[in-house]
Amino acid sequence: MKFLGFLIFVFVFLMAFWCLIFLASVIPYFIFVWLKEGKLDEDQIPS
């Protein structure tokens, strides 16, 4: 039972770790593209 809890803990920890890496790499890229393309007007947003 302790081993199962340890596995769940490691799995959740790794998921949070990869999520942080993903957010730290993707969000600045989206901000860069957003600024480079110019701020979106209402008519540019796809419906």
PDB file of N, CA and C in Angstrom:
ATOM      1  N   MET A   1       0.836  -1.199   0.000  1.00  0.00           N
ATOM      2  CA  MET A   1       0.000   0.000   0.000  1.00  0.00           C
ATOM      3  C   MET A   1       0.874   1.254   0.000  1.00  0.00           C
ATOM      4  N   LYS A   2       1.948   1.200   0.800  1.00  0.00           N
ATOM      5  CA  LYS A   2       2.853   2.351   0.820  1.00  0.00           C
ATOM      6  C   LYS A   2       3.508   2.528  -0.547  1.00  0.00           C
ATOM      7  N   PHE A   3       3.826   1.397  -1.200  1.00  0.00           N
ATOM      8  CA  PHE A   3       4.465   1.468  -2.513  1.00  0.00           C
ATOM      9  C   PHE A   3       3.525   2.095  -3.541  1.00  0.00           C
ATOM     10  N   LEU A   4       2.237   1.748  -3.462  1.00  0.00           N
ATOM     11  CA  LEU A   4       1.252   2.312  -4.375  1.00  0.00           C
ATOM     12  C   LEU A   4       1.133   3.815  -4.164  1.00  0.00           C
ATOM     13  N   GLY A   5       1.117   4.257  -2.933  1.00  0.00           N
ATOM     14  CA  GLY A   5       1.069   5.684  -2.636  1.00  0.00           C
ATOM     15  C   GLY A   5       2.309   6.391  -3.161  1.00  0.00           C
ATOM     16  N   PHE A   6       3.461   5.743  -3.036  1.00  0.00           N
ATOM     17  CA  PHE A   6       4.706   6.323  -3.545  1.00  0.00           C
ATOM     18  C   PHE A   6       4.654   6.476  -5.064  1.00  0.00           C
ATOM     19  N   LEU A   7       4.126   5.437  -5.755  1.00  0.00           N
ATOM     20  CA  LEU A   7       4.012   5.512  -7.209  1.00  0.00           C
ATOM     21  C   LEU A   7       3.093   6.650  -7.629  1.00  0.00           C
ATOM     22  N   ILE A   8       1.960   6.793  -6.937  1.00  0.00           N
ATOM     23  CA  ILE A   8       1.027   7.876  -7.257  1.00  0.00           C
ATOM     24  C   ILE A   8       1.688   9.222  -7.021  1.00  0.00           C
ATOM     25  N   PHE A   9       2.439   9.349  -5.912  1.00  0.00           N
ATOM     26  CA  PHE A   9       3.127  10.597  -5.601  1.00  0.00           C
ATOM     27  C   PHE A   9       4.133  10.951  -6.688  1.00  0.00           C
ATOM     28  N   VAL A  10       4.934   9.961  -7.112  1.00  0.00           N
ATOM     29  CA  VAL A  10       5.947  10.204  -8.149  1.00  0.00           C
ATOM     30  C   VAL A  10       5.273  10.595  -9.463  1.00  0.00           C
ATOM     31  N   PHE A  11       4.187   9.915  -9.808  1.00  0.00           N
ATOM     32  CA  PHE A  11       3.470  10.214 -11.046  1.00  0.00           C
ATOM     33  C   PHE A  11       2.940  11.641 -11.027  1.00  0.00           C
ATOM     34  N   VAL A  12       2.284  12.044  -9.936  1.00  0.00           N
ATOM     35  CA  VAL A  12       1.736  13.398  -9.822  1.00  0.00           C
ATOM     36  C   VAL A  12       2.854  14.427  -9.849  1.00  0.00           C
ATOM     37  N   PHE A  13       3.969  14.132  -9.173  1.00  0.00           N
ATOM     38  CA  PHE A  13       5.098  15.063  -9.142  1.00  0.00           C
ATOM     39  C   PHE A  13       5.670  15.268 -10.544  1.00  0.00           C
ATOM     40  N   LEU A  14       5.833  14.165 -11.289  1.00  0.00           N
ATOM     41  CA  LEU A  14       6.374  14.282 -12.644  1.00  0.00           C
ATOM     42  C   LEU A  14       5.413  15.020 -13.560  1.00  0.00           C
ATOM     43  N   MET A  15       4.112  14.780 -13.413  1.00  0.00           N
ATOM     44  CA  MET A  15       3.133  15.479 -14.236  1.00  0.00           C
ATOM     45  C   MET A  15       3.193  16.977 -13.956  1.00  0.00           C
ATOM     46  N   ALA A  16       3.281  17.368 -12.687  1.00  0.00           N
ATOM     47  CA  ALA A  16       3.366  18.785 -12.341  1.00  0.00           C
ATOM     48  C   ALA A  16       4.668  19.380 -12.882  1.00  0.00           C
ATOM     49  N   PHE A  17       5.759  18.607 -12.813  1.00  0.00           N
ATOM     50  CA  PHE A  17       7.058  19.073 -13.298  1.00  0.00           C
ATOM     51  C   PHE A  17       7.015  19.346 -14.798  1.00  0.00           C
ATOM     52  N   TRP A  18       6.479  18.383 -15.578  1.00  0.00           N
ATOM     53  CA  TRP A  18       6.386  18.565 -17.021  1.00  0.00           C
ATOM     54  C   TRP A  18       5.407  19.668 -17.375  1.00  0.00           C
ATOM     55  N   CYS A  19       4.335  19.820 -16.584  1.00  0.00           N
ATOM     56  CA  CYS A  19       3.371  20.891 -16.825  1.00  0.00           C
ATOM     57  C   CYS A  19       4.039  22.241 -16.652  1.00  0.00           C
ATOM     58  N   LEU A  20       4.879  22.384 -15.619  1.00  0.00           N
ATOM     59  CA  LEU A  20       5.583  23.654 -15.403  1.00  0.00           C
ATOM     60  C   LEU A  20       6.542  23.940 -16.543  1.00  0.00           C
ATOM     61  N   ILE A  21       7.273  22.916 -17.001  1.00  0.00           N
ATOM     62  CA  ILE A  21       8.204  23.119 -18.125  1.00  0.00           C
ATOM     63  C   ILE A  21       7.432  23.528 -19.373  1.00  0.00           C
ATOM     64  N   PHE A  22       6.300  22.864 -19.617  1.00  0.00           N
ATOM     65  CA  PHE A  22       5.483  23.174 -20.791  1.00  0.00           C
ATOM     66  C   PHE A  22       4.977  24.610 -20.742  1.00  0.00           C
ATOM     67  N   LEU A  23       4.453  25.021 -19.581  1.00  0.00           N
ATOM     68  CA  LEU A  23       3.930  26.377 -19.456  1.00  0.00           C
ATOM     69  C   LEU A  23       5.043  27.410 -19.584  1.00  0.00           C
ATOM     70  N   ALA A  24       6.201  27.117 -18.992  1.00  0.00           N
ATOM     71  CA  ALA A  24       7.315  28.067 -19.026  1.00  0.00           C
ATOM     72  C   ALA A  24       7.866  28.218 -20.439  1.00  0.00           C
ATOM     73  N   SER A  25       7.656  27.226 -21.302  1.00  0.00           N
ATOM     74  CA  SER A  25       8.192  27.316 -22.660  1.00  0.00           C
ATOM     75  C   SER A  25       7.138  27.811 -23.646  1.00  0.00           C
ATOM     76  N   VAL A  26       5.870  27.473 -23.445  1.00  0.00           N
ATOM     77  CA  VAL A  26       4.832  27.794 -24.420  1.00  0.00           C
ATOM     78  C   VAL A  26       4.262  29.199 -24.221  1.00  0.00           C
ATOM     79  N   ILE A  27       4.015  29.595 -22.973  1.00  0.00           N
ATOM     80  CA  ILE A  27       3.384  30.890 -22.725  1.00  0.00           C
ATOM     81  C   ILE A  27       4.235  32.059 -23.229  1.00  0.00           C
ATOM     82  N   PRO A  28       5.552  32.115 -22.961  1.00  0.00           N
ATOM     83  CA  PRO A  28       6.343  33.215 -23.534  1.00  0.00           C
ATOM     84  C   PRO A  28       6.341  33.213 -25.052  1.00  0.00           C
ATOM     85  N   TYR A  29       6.286  32.033 -25.661  1.00  0.00           N
ATOM     86  CA  TYR A  29       6.225  31.947 -27.130  1.00  0.00           C
ATOM     87  C   TYR A  29       4.924  32.551 -27.654  1.00  0.00           C
ATOM     88  N   PHE A  30       3.804  32.226 -26.994  1.00  0.00           N
ATOM     89  CA  PHE A  30       2.536  32.794 -27.416  1.00  0.00           C
ATOM     90  C   PHE A  30       2.520  34.302 -27.227  1.00  0.00           C
ATOM     91  N   ILE A  31       3.102  34.789 -26.129  1.00  0.00           N
ATOM     92  CA  ILE A  31       3.172  36.235 -25.900  1.00  0.00           C
ATOM     93  C   ILE A  31       4.023  36.890 -26.981  1.00  0.00           C
ATOM     94  N   PHE A  32       5.134  36.249 -27.351  1.00  0.00           N
ATOM     95  CA  PHE A  32       6.003  36.771 -28.394  1.00  0.00           C
ATOM     96  C   PHE A  32       5.265  36.867 -29.728  1.00  0.00           C
ATOM     97  N   VAL A  33       4.558  35.799 -30.096  1.00  0.00           N
ATOM     98  CA  VAL A  33       3.811  35.791 -31.352  1.00  0.00           C
ATOM     99  C   VAL A  33       2.706  36.844 -31.312  1.00  0.00           C
ATOM    100  N   TRP A  34       2.033  36.947 -30.164  1.00  0.00           N
ATOM    101  CA  TRP A  34       0.935  37.895 -30.013  1.00  0.00           C
ATOM    102  C   TRP A  34       1.439  39.323 -30.187  1.00  0.00           C
ATOM    103  N   LEU A  35       2.598  39.621 -29.612  1.00  0.00           N
ATOM    104  CA  LEU A  35       3.154  40.969 -29.739  1.00  0.00           C
ATOM    105  C   LEU A  35       3.690  41.214 -31.148  1.00  0.00           C
ATOM    106  N   LYS A  36       4.300  40.176 -31.752  1.00  0.00           N
ATOM    107  CA  LYS A  36       4.875  40.334 -33.076  1.00  0.00           C
ATOM    108  C   LYS A  36       3.776  40.554 -34.124  1.00  0.00           C
ATOM    109  N   GLU A  37       2.685  39.830 -33.994  1.00  0.00           N
ATOM    110  CA  GLU A  37       1.587  39.954 -34.952  1.00  0.00           C
ATOM    111  C   GLU A  37       0.769  41.208 -34.698  1.00  0.00           C
ATOM    112  N   GLY A  38       0.984  41.866 -33.598  1.00  0.00           N
ATOM    113  CA  GLY A  38       0.137  42.998 -33.217  1.00  0.00           C
ATOM    114  C   GLY A  38      -1.053  42.485 -32.459  1.00  0.00           C
ATOM    115  N   LYS A  39      -1.557  43.304 -31.568  1.00  0.00           N
ATOM    116  CA  LYS A  39      -2.693  42.850 -30.754  1.00  0.00           C
ATOM    117  C   LYS A  39      -3.901  42.621 -31.653  1.00  0.00           C
ATOM    118  N   LEU A  40      -4.621  41.548 -31.363  1.00  0.00           N
ATOM    119  CA  LEU A  40      -5.720  41.139 -32.230  1.00  0.00           C
ATOM    120  C   LEU A  40      -6.901  42.104 -32.118  1.00  0.00           C
ATOM    121  N   ASP A  41      -7.433  42.480 -33.263  1.00  0.00           N
ATOM    122  CA  ASP A  41      -8.653  43.267 -33.291  1.00  0.00           C
ATOM    123  C   ASP A  41      -9.846  42.321 -33.252  1.00  0.00           C
ATOM    124  N   GLU A  42     -11.036  42.887 -33.091  1.00  0.00           N
ATOM    125  CA  GLU A  42     -12.232  42.049 -33.002  1.00  0.00           C
ATOM    126  C   GLU A  42     -12.466  41.255 -34.284  1.00  0.00           C
ATOM    127  N   ASP A  43     -12.170  41.858 -35.447  1.00  0.00           N
ATOM    128  CA  ASP A  43     -12.468  41.169 -36.706  1.00  0.00           C
ATOM    129  C   ASP A  43     -11.423  40.104 -37.060  1.00  0.00           C
ATOM    130  N   GLN A  44     -10.316  40.073 -36.327  1.00  0.00           N
ATOM    131  CA  GLN A  44      -9.284  39.064 -36.603  1.00  0.00           C
ATOM    132  C   GLN A  44      -9.531  37.768 -35.840  1.00  0.00           C
ATOM    133  N   ILE A  45     -10.344  37.826 -34.808  1.00  0.00           N
ATOM    134  CA  ILE A  45     -10.586  36.646 -33.985  1.00  0.00           C
ATOM    135  C   ILE A  45     -11.514  35.702 -34.747  1.00  0.00           C
ATOM    136  N   PRO A  46     -11.090  34.474 -35.023  1.00  0.00           N
ATOM    137  CA  PRO A  46     -11.960  33.536 -35.748  1.00  0.00           C
ATOM    138  C   PRO A  46     -13.177  33.149 -34.909  1.00  0.00           C
ATOM    139  N   SER A  47     -14.321  33.074 -35.525  1.00  0.00           N
ATOM    140  CA  SER A  47     -15.544  32.734 -34.789  1.00  0.00           C
ATOM    141  C   SER A  47     -15.707  31.217 -34.752  1.00  0.00           C
TER     142      SER A  47
END
